[in-house]
Amino acid sequence: MNIYILHNRLGSQGGKKMKKKILILMLVGVLVLSGAGMAGVTTVTYKKTTQDFVSSPLDELCYPVLNGTLGDNGWYISNVTVSFVYDPEKVATVYYILDGAESTMYTEPFEVCEDKEHYICWYYIDYYGNYSGAECKNVNIDQTPPELNLTWYMFKEKEGWDTNWYVKFTVLCNDNTSGVDRVEFGIKFSTQYIDYERPYEWTIQWCSGILPPEYFFSFTAFDKAGNSAFDTVNFDDIDSLVMVVHVNEIYGTVDDPQYRPLANVTVEIKNSLFGIIWWFLIWGGTTDESGTTAEVIVSHSIKYKVTVSKDGYHTYGCSPSKIVKTTDLRNSDIRRYDVYFTMAEDGSPFIQQNSQGNQQSNQLLQNLILNHQMANR
């Protein structure tokens, strides 16, 4: 496992390791094929003029001109227009065969558009009815970026007396035409590591606060034609999850209780490093008509106290405040934590109960983890 340590807030990285050191040669060339009954294999060279790529065979009486944008490794990353240059005083007609189809007489330029490895063959007839030898070459087109899907998870390892946290990023990518060439892992698109082999992974040692909030990690996949696709993840998203508070009202009778969402409940979320002194109000607001709050971004590294209140109502079956210990979710792939409260109207048969609030919150957390683990077996 290649481990990278981000030392400071500037994101400097100690020693890069690469699975492979590959020198990418920018080759402008095309494989020349010889079809059945053709007069041998002809060596083809290429001259690049703007976007025209001219194939100059030994027989200068007739040759094709390809107009398109050339990417990497001989692949075009655009449609290719094919035209033929020939001497009309010596060449009567020109014929071409695209991808083994019927022989077609050339009358005007034509486009090749489909993403695939094409091959085109051509020959001509002079005014005496003599046939030239046939010549062929590949025209490879890939205009589609690779597919990319990013995942990551946090894990911890005990090393001596210390316990260190790590983040492993995994990029799942595929390209059905030219194939995946590499994946570049970076910070704000400044490349930190390049992986040329599946699985495309990057592991870093993690510490909250190593980078400013405006920093982000970038992940770019390249195919062999030079097309690319990218994804990013904000620094804050690595060590964070979404918290949503839900409040239901219990009403009716004790023998036949009913539940419905409770709107306009005041909700406060405060954080604390040690759970002793509650520092800052990080979010305050009210529930909507569905009895839920907006999504609140919280960290895995801090404890939170969630408090609900509403005039004329009291909590039922729980305390008005619940302690949420999100650190238990840090080494899982759970990215959302839901906090539930039940409230009853003052004077209803549902009498206020404050005990066991924190225990119920912890039990909800354990149930969440257990359910998630069972669902992924």
Protein backbone atom coordinates (compact mmCIF):
# COMPACT_ATOMS: atom_id res chain seq x y z
CA MET A 1 0.00 0.00 0.00
CA ASN A 2 1.43 3.36 -1.02
CA ILE A 3 0.93 5.82 1.85
CA TYR A 4 1.14 9.57 1.42
CA ILE A 5 1.43 11.98 4.33
CA LEU A 6 0.15 15.52 3.96
CA HIS A 7 2.50 17.40 6.28
CA ASN A 8 1.00 20.87 6.53
CA ARG A 9 -1.72 23.22 5.40
CA LEU A 10 0.00 23.74 2.07
CA GLY A 11 -0.47 20.07 1.31
CA SER A 12 3.19 19.17 0.71
CA GLN A 13 3.67 15.47 0.21
CA GLY A 14 6.54 13.26 1.15
CA GLY A 15 8.05 11.05 -1.54
CA LYS A 16 6.01 9.89 -4.47
CA LYS A 17 5.85 6.24 -5.36
CA MET A 18 4.62 5.02 -8.69
CA LYS A 19 3.51 1.52 -9.55
CA LYS A 20 5.15 2.04 -12.95
CA LYS A 21 7.43 4.54 -14.57
CA ILE A 22 6.16 4.77 -18.06
CA LEU A 23 7.53 7.04 -20.72
CA ILE A 24 4.59 7.98 -22.90
CA LEU A 25 5.73 8.37 -26.47
CA MET A 26 3.55 10.61 -28.61
CA LEU A 27 3.39 8.44 -31.69
CA VAL A 28 1.81 9.79 -34.84
CA GLY A 29 1.49 6.63 -36.87
CA VAL A 30 -1.02 4.19 -38.25
CA LEU A 31 -0.81 0.43 -38.68
CA VAL A 32 -0.80 -0.41 -42.38
CA LEU A 33 -2.77 -3.46 -43.32
CA SER A 34 -2.78 -5.58 -46.44
CA GLY A 35 -6.06 -7.10 -47.66
CA ALA A 36 -6.65 -10.32 -49.57
CA GLY A 37 -5.43 -10.13 -53.16
CA MET A 38 -3.62 -6.82 -52.57
CA ALA A 39 -0.21 -6.10 -54.05
CA GLY A 40 1.85 -6.31 -50.86
CA VAL A 41 2.17 -4.00 -47.84
CA THR A 42 3.06 -0.37 -48.46
CA THR A 43 4.97 1.67 -45.89
CA VAL A 44 3.04 4.84 -45.05
CA THR A 45 4.50 8.01 -43.54
CA TYR A 46 2.64 11.05 -42.22
CA LYS A 47 2.99 14.79 -42.58
CA LYS A 48 1.02 17.05 -40.23
CA THR A 49 -0.21 20.36 -41.60
CA THR A 50 -2.64 22.09 -39.24
CA GLN A 51 -5.32 19.40 -38.91
CA ASP A 52 -4.59 17.71 -42.22
CA PHE A 53 -2.73 14.43 -41.89
CA VAL A 54 -1.39 13.36 -45.27
CA SER A 55 -0.50 9.77 -46.03
CA SER A 56 2.27 9.75 -48.65
CA PRO A 57 2.67 6.26 -50.11
CA LEU A 58 5.35 5.24 -52.55
CA ASP A 59 2.86 5.83 -55.35
CA GLU A 60 2.33 9.59 -55.38
CA LEU A 61 -0.44 9.38 -57.99
CA CYS A 62 -3.14 8.86 -55.32
CA TYR A 63 -3.17 9.25 -51.56
CA PRO A 64 -5.68 10.22 -48.85
CA VAL A 65 -5.75 13.34 -46.71
CA LEU A 66 -7.29 13.03 -43.24
CA ASN A 67 -8.69 16.15 -41.62
CA GLY A 68 -9.30 15.78 -37.87
CA THR A 69 -7.88 16.46 -34.44
CA LEU A 70 -5.19 13.99 -33.50
CA GLY A 71 -5.00 13.05 -29.82
CA ASP A 72 -2.53 10.68 -28.20
CA ASN A 73 -1.08 7.41 -29.46
CA GLY A 74 -2.38 7.85 -33.02
CA TRP A 75 -6.04 8.22 -32.01
CA TYR A 76 -8.25 10.94 -33.43
CA ILE A 77 -10.48 12.75 -30.93
CA SER A 78 -12.84 14.21 -33.54
CA ASN A 79 -14.69 13.18 -36.65
CA VAL A 80 -12.29 12.59 -39.53
CA THR A 81 -12.92 13.90 -43.04
CA VAL A 82 -11.27 11.77 -45.71
CA SER A 83 -10.41 13.15 -49.14
CA PHE A 84 -8.13 11.84 -51.90
CA VAL A 85 -5.49 13.69 -53.82
CA TYR A 86 -4.69 12.23 -57.24
CA ASP A 87 -3.37 13.20 -60.67
CA PRO A 88 -6.45 13.55 -62.93
CA GLU A 89 -4.29 13.23 -66.04
CA LYS A 90 -3.16 9.74 -65.06
CA VAL A 91 -5.88 8.49 -62.67
CA ALA A 92 -9.34 7.83 -64.08
CA THR A 93 -11.21 6.70 -60.95
CA VAL A 94 -10.44 6.13 -57.25
CA TYR A 95 -12.15 3.49 -55.12
CA TYR A 96 -12.10 3.06 -51.36
CA ILE A 97 -13.28 0.38 -48.92
CA LEU A 98 -14.18 1.41 -45.34
CA ASP A 99 -14.16 -1.27 -42.67
CA GLY A 100 -14.51 -4.11 -45.18
CA ALA A 101 -17.68 -2.78 -46.75
CA GLU A 102 -18.45 -2.59 -50.48
CA SER A 103 -15.97 -0.90 -52.76
CA THR A 104 -17.14 2.70 -53.33
CA MET A 105 -16.08 5.07 -56.08
CA TYR A 106 -14.68 8.28 -54.62
CA THR A 107 -16.50 11.43 -55.78
CA GLU A 108 -16.23 13.81 -52.82
CA PRO A 109 -14.80 13.98 -49.24
CA PHE A 110 -16.61 11.87 -46.65
CA GLU A 111 -16.68 11.73 -42.85
CA VAL A 112 -15.80 8.91 -40.52
CA CYS A 113 -17.54 9.48 -37.18
CA GLU A 114 -18.01 6.34 -35.12
CA ASP A 115 -15.79 5.72 -32.10
CA LYS A 116 -13.85 2.58 -33.03
CA GLU A 117 -10.76 1.31 -34.84
CA HIS A 118 -11.51 1.85 -38.53
CA TYR A 119 -9.46 0.81 -41.51
CA ILE A 120 -9.65 2.25 -44.98
CA CYS A 121 -8.24 0.77 -48.17
CA TRP A 122 -8.02 2.43 -51.59
CA TYR A 123 -6.91 1.81 -55.14
CA TYR A 124 -7.27 3.51 -58.50
CA ILE A 125 -7.73 2.68 -62.20
CA ASP A 126 -5.82 4.52 -64.91
CA TYR A 127 -7.13 5.41 -68.37
CA TYR A 128 -5.83 2.14 -69.81
CA GLY A 129 -7.90 0.07 -67.38
CA ASN A 130 -4.94 -0.90 -65.22
CA TYR A 131 -5.55 -1.40 -61.52
CA SER A 132 -3.09 -0.08 -58.96
CA GLY A 133 -2.08 -2.03 -55.89
CA ALA A 134 -4.36 -1.51 -52.93
CA GLU A 135 -3.12 0.33 -49.85
CA CYS A 136 -4.66 0.38 -46.35
CA LYS A 137 -4.28 2.12 -43.04
CA ASN A 138 -6.06 2.51 -39.73
CA VAL A 139 -8.18 5.49 -38.78
CA ASN A 140 -8.81 5.16 -35.04
CA ILE A 141 -11.40 7.47 -33.46
CA ASP A 142 -12.22 7.95 -29.78
CA GLN A 143 -14.14 11.12 -28.89
CA THR A 144 -15.68 9.87 -25.66
CA PRO A 145 -14.10 10.51 -22.23
CA PRO A 146 -13.69 7.52 -19.91
CA GLU A 147 -16.34 6.77 -17.31
CA LEU A 148 -15.25 7.67 -13.78
CA ASN A 149 -16.68 6.87 -10.37
CA LEU A 150 -14.97 8.02 -7.17
CA THR A 151 -15.25 6.40 -3.75
CA TRP A 152 -13.28 6.81 -0.55
CA TYR A 153 -13.29 5.57 3.01
CA MET A 154 -11.41 6.26 6.22
CA PHE A 155 -9.68 3.65 8.33
CA LYS A 156 -7.30 3.61 11.28
CA GLU A 157 -4.22 1.60 12.08
CA LYS A 158 -2.43 1.30 15.39
CA GLU A 159 1.29 1.96 15.03
CA GLY A 160 3.11 1.55 18.30
CA TRP A 161 1.50 3.84 20.86
CA ASP A 162 -0.16 5.91 18.16
CA THR A 163 -3.33 5.36 16.19
CA ASN A 164 -3.25 6.99 12.75
CA TRP A 165 -6.14 7.68 10.42
CA TYR A 166 -5.90 7.15 6.67
CA VAL A 167 -8.08 7.90 3.67
CA LYS A 168 -8.08 5.60 0.66
CA PHE A 169 -9.41 7.04 -2.60
CA THR A 170 -10.45 4.57 -5.30
CA VAL A 171 -11.32 5.59 -8.86
CA LEU A 172 -13.35 3.08 -10.85
CA CYS A 173 -13.05 3.93 -14.53
CA ASN A 174 -13.60 2.31 -17.88
CA ASP A 175 -13.13 3.19 -21.55
CA ASN A 176 -14.56 0.86 -24.16
CA THR A 177 -12.69 2.26 -27.18
CA SER A 178 -9.05 3.17 -26.70
CA GLY A 179 -8.86 1.95 -23.10
CA VAL A 180 -7.86 3.64 -19.84
CA ASP A 181 -4.31 4.97 -19.78
CA ARG A 182 -3.89 6.39 -16.27
CA VAL A 183 -5.51 8.17 -13.33
CA GLU A 184 -3.95 11.30 -11.84
CA PHE A 185 -4.62 12.12 -8.17
CA GLY A 186 -4.04 15.70 -7.09
CA ILE A 187 -4.78 18.67 -4.88
CA LYS A 188 -6.51 21.47 -6.82
CA PHE A 189 -5.43 19.65 -10.02
CA SER A 190 -1.78 19.76 -8.98
CA THR A 191 -0.79 16.14 -9.57
CA GLN A 192 0.47 14.30 -6.49
CA TYR A 193 0.36 10.71 -7.72
CA ILE A 194 -0.23 8.85 -11.00
CA ASP A 195 -1.52 5.29 -11.16
CA TYR A 196 -1.23 3.28 -14.39
CA GLU A 197 -2.69 0.01 -13.11
CA ARG A 198 -6.01 -1.19 -11.76
CA PRO A 199 -7.17 -0.73 -9.09
CA TYR A 200 -6.55 3.01 -9.34
CA GLU A 201 -5.98 3.97 -5.70
CA TRP A 202 -4.32 6.63 -3.57
CA THR A 203 -3.93 6.41 0.21
CA ILE A 204 -2.97 9.34 2.41
CA GLN A 205 -2.46 9.71 6.13
CA TRP A 206 -5.22 11.94 7.42
CA CYS A 207 -5.34 14.66 10.02
CA SER A 208 -8.17 17.17 10.33
CA GLY A 209 -7.08 20.70 9.57
CA ILE A 210 -4.18 19.84 7.28
CA LEU A 211 -5.63 21.87 4.42
CA PRO A 212 -7.67 25.08 4.22
CA PRO A 213 -11.41 24.63 3.55
CA GLU A 214 -11.10 26.00 0.00
CA TYR A 215 -8.78 23.16 -0.99
CA PHE A 216 -10.10 20.11 -2.78
CA PHE A 217 -8.82 16.80 -4.05
CA SER A 218 -8.96 16.19 -7.81
CA PHE A 219 -9.12 12.91 -9.70
CA THR A 220 -8.61 12.79 -13.49
CA ALA A 221 -8.85 9.67 -15.66
CA PHE A 222 -7.27 9.67 -19.13
CA ASP A 223 -7.89 7.25 -21.95
CA LYS A 224 -5.21 6.32 -24.47
CA ALA A 225 -6.59 8.84 -26.96
CA GLY A 226 -6.06 11.73 -24.54
CA ASN A 227 -9.71 12.27 -23.53
CA SER A 228 -10.21 12.85 -19.83
CA ALA A 229 -12.90 12.90 -17.16
CA PHE A 230 -12.51 14.29 -13.67
CA ASP A 231 -14.17 14.47 -10.30
CA THR A 232 -13.39 16.49 -7.17
CA VAL A 233 -14.12 16.21 -3.48
CA ASN A 234 -13.85 19.09 -1.04
CA PHE A 235 -11.53 18.75 1.92
CA ASP A 236 -14.45 19.26 4.29
CA ASP A 237 -16.35 16.38 2.71
CA ILE A 238 -13.65 13.82 3.53
CA ASP A 239 -14.03 14.07 7.28
CA SER A 240 -17.69 15.01 7.36
CA LEU A 241 -21.17 13.68 7.04
CA VAL A 242 -24.67 15.09 6.78
CA MET A 243 -26.85 15.41 9.87
CA VAL A 244 -30.61 15.75 9.56
CA VAL A 245 -32.97 16.25 12.52
CA HIS A 246 -36.49 14.76 12.40
CA VAL A 247 -39.31 15.68 14.79
CA ASN A 248 -42.64 13.86 14.99
CA GLU A 249 -45.65 14.72 17.10
CA ILE A 250 -47.41 12.00 19.04
CA TYR A 251 -51.13 12.57 19.54
CA GLY A 252 -54.38 10.70 20.00
CA THR A 253 -54.77 8.37 22.99
CA VAL A 254 -52.31 6.25 24.93
CA ASP A 255 -54.09 3.13 23.68
CA ASP A 256 -54.09 4.36 20.09
CA PRO A 257 -51.20 6.77 19.55
CA GLN A 258 -50.87 8.57 16.21
CA TYR A 259 -47.83 10.26 14.69
CA ARG A 260 -47.37 13.15 12.27
CA PRO A 261 -44.53 15.50 11.31
CA LEU A 262 -44.16 18.53 13.52
CA ALA A 263 -43.24 21.79 11.84
CA ASN A 264 -41.71 24.99 13.29
CA VAL A 265 -39.70 23.20 15.95
CA THR A 266 -36.62 25.19 16.97
CA VAL A 267 -33.46 23.12 16.54
CA GLU A 268 -29.96 24.00 17.76
CA ILE A 269 -26.79 22.03 17.03
CA LYS A 270 -23.69 22.77 19.08
CA ASN A 271 -20.28 21.14 18.90
CA SER A 272 -17.64 20.19 21.44
CA LEU A 273 -14.25 18.55 21.15
CA PHE A 274 -14.48 16.64 24.44
CA GLY A 275 -18.21 16.77 25.16
CA ILE A 276 -17.67 18.81 28.33
CA ILE A 277 -17.86 22.43 27.25
CA TRP A 278 -20.27 23.09 24.40
CA TRP A 279 -18.53 25.66 22.25
CA PHE A 280 -20.32 26.99 19.23
CA LEU A 281 -23.77 27.01 17.80
CA ILE A 282 -23.01 25.60 14.34
CA TRP A 283 -26.59 25.54 13.12
CA GLY A 284 -29.91 26.91 14.26
CA GLY A 285 -33.26 26.78 12.50
CA THR A 286 -36.68 25.19 12.44
CA THR A 287 -38.24 22.06 11.01
CA ASP A 288 -40.26 22.32 7.83
CA GLU A 289 -43.69 20.89 7.03
CA SER A 290 -42.19 17.41 6.79
CA GLY A 291 -40.81 17.73 10.32
CA THR A 292 -37.17 17.76 9.19
CA THR A 293 -34.34 20.26 9.14
CA ALA A 294 -32.03 21.16 6.30
CA GLU A 295 -28.94 19.01 5.84
CA VAL A 296 -26.17 20.16 8.19
CA ILE A 297 -22.53 19.32 7.43
CA VAL A 298 -20.78 17.99 10.54
CA SER A 299 -17.39 16.43 11.22
CA HIS A 300 -16.48 12.92 12.26
CA SER A 301 -14.05 14.33 14.80
CA ILE A 302 -16.35 16.20 17.17
CA LYS A 303 -19.26 15.47 19.50
CA TYR A 304 -22.53 17.31 18.97
CA LYS A 305 -25.47 18.25 21.14
CA VAL A 306 -28.82 18.56 19.37
CA THR A 307 -31.59 20.43 21.23
CA VAL A 308 -35.23 20.86 20.20
CA SER A 309 -37.93 23.15 21.61
CA LYS A 310 -41.37 24.45 20.70
CA ASP A 311 -43.77 26.60 22.70
CA GLY A 312 -46.65 24.53 24.04
CA TYR A 313 -44.85 21.24 23.43
CA HIS A 314 -42.52 18.93 25.31
CA THR A 315 -40.37 15.97 24.26
CA TYR A 316 -41.80 12.52 24.80
CA GLY A 317 -39.74 9.41 25.42
CA CYS A 318 -36.48 11.31 25.16
CA SER A 319 -34.59 14.30 26.49
CA PRO A 320 -34.87 17.69 24.73
CA SER A 321 -31.12 17.31 24.06
CA LYS A 322 -29.28 14.39 22.53
CA ILE A 323 -25.54 13.83 22.39
CA VAL A 324 -24.33 12.59 19.01
CA LYS A 325 -20.92 10.91 18.89
CA THR A 326 -20.09 10.82 15.18
CA THR A 327 -16.56 9.45 15.71
CA ASP A 328 -18.08 5.95 15.78
CA LEU A 329 -18.97 6.39 12.11
CA ARG A 330 -15.55 7.54 10.98
CA ASN A 331 -14.25 4.20 9.72
CA SER A 332 -17.49 3.32 7.95
CA ASP A 333 -18.89 4.50 4.63
CA ILE A 334 -22.00 6.00 6.27
CA ARG A 335 -22.26 9.61 5.10
CA ARG A 336 -25.54 10.62 6.77
CA TYR A 337 -26.72 10.64 10.37
CA ASP A 338 -30.39 11.14 11.25
CA VAL A 339 -31.43 12.32 14.72
CA TYR A 340 -35.04 11.63 15.79
CA PHE A 341 -37.20 13.33 18.40
CA THR A 342 -40.80 12.82 19.45
CA MET A 343 -42.80 15.71 20.96
CA ALA A 344 -46.27 15.96 22.45
CA GLU A 345 -48.51 18.94 23.05
CA ASP A 346 -48.71 20.19 26.63
CA GLY A 347 -51.85 18.86 28.30
CA SER A 348 -51.99 15.77 26.10
CA PRO A 349 -52.11 12.30 27.69
CA PHE A 350 -48.47 11.83 26.69
CA ILE A 351 -46.57 12.99 29.75
CA GLN A 352 -43.08 14.43 29.41
CA GLN A 353 -40.26 11.90 29.84
CA ASN A 354 -36.67 13.13 30.03
CA SER A 355 -34.72 10.11 31.22
CA GLN A 356 -32.70 7.81 29.05
CA GLY A 357 -32.35 10.43 26.30
CA ASN A 358 -28.65 10.05 25.77
CA GLN A 359 -28.82 6.27 26.06
CA GLN A 360 -31.48 6.16 23.37
CA SER A 361 -29.34 8.37 21.13
CA ASN A 362 -26.39 6.03 21.53
CA GLN A 363 -28.63 3.02 20.90
CA LEU A 364 -29.92 4.62 17.71
CA LEU A 365 -26.34 5.08 16.58
CA GLN A 366 -25.45 1.47 17.26
CA ASN A 367 -28.59 0.30 15.45
CA LEU A 368 -27.67 2.46 12.46
CA ILE A 369 -24.23 0.89 12.22
CA LEU A 370 -25.57 -2.62 12.72
CA ASN A 371 -28.28 -2.21 10.07
CA HIS A 372 -25.78 -0.83 7.61
CA GLN A 373 -23.39 -3.72 8.17
CA MET A 374 -26.16 -6.29 7.76
CA ALA A 375 -27.33 -4.67 4.53
CA ASN A 376 -23.88 -4.92 3.01
CA ARG A 377 -23.15 -8.56 3.83
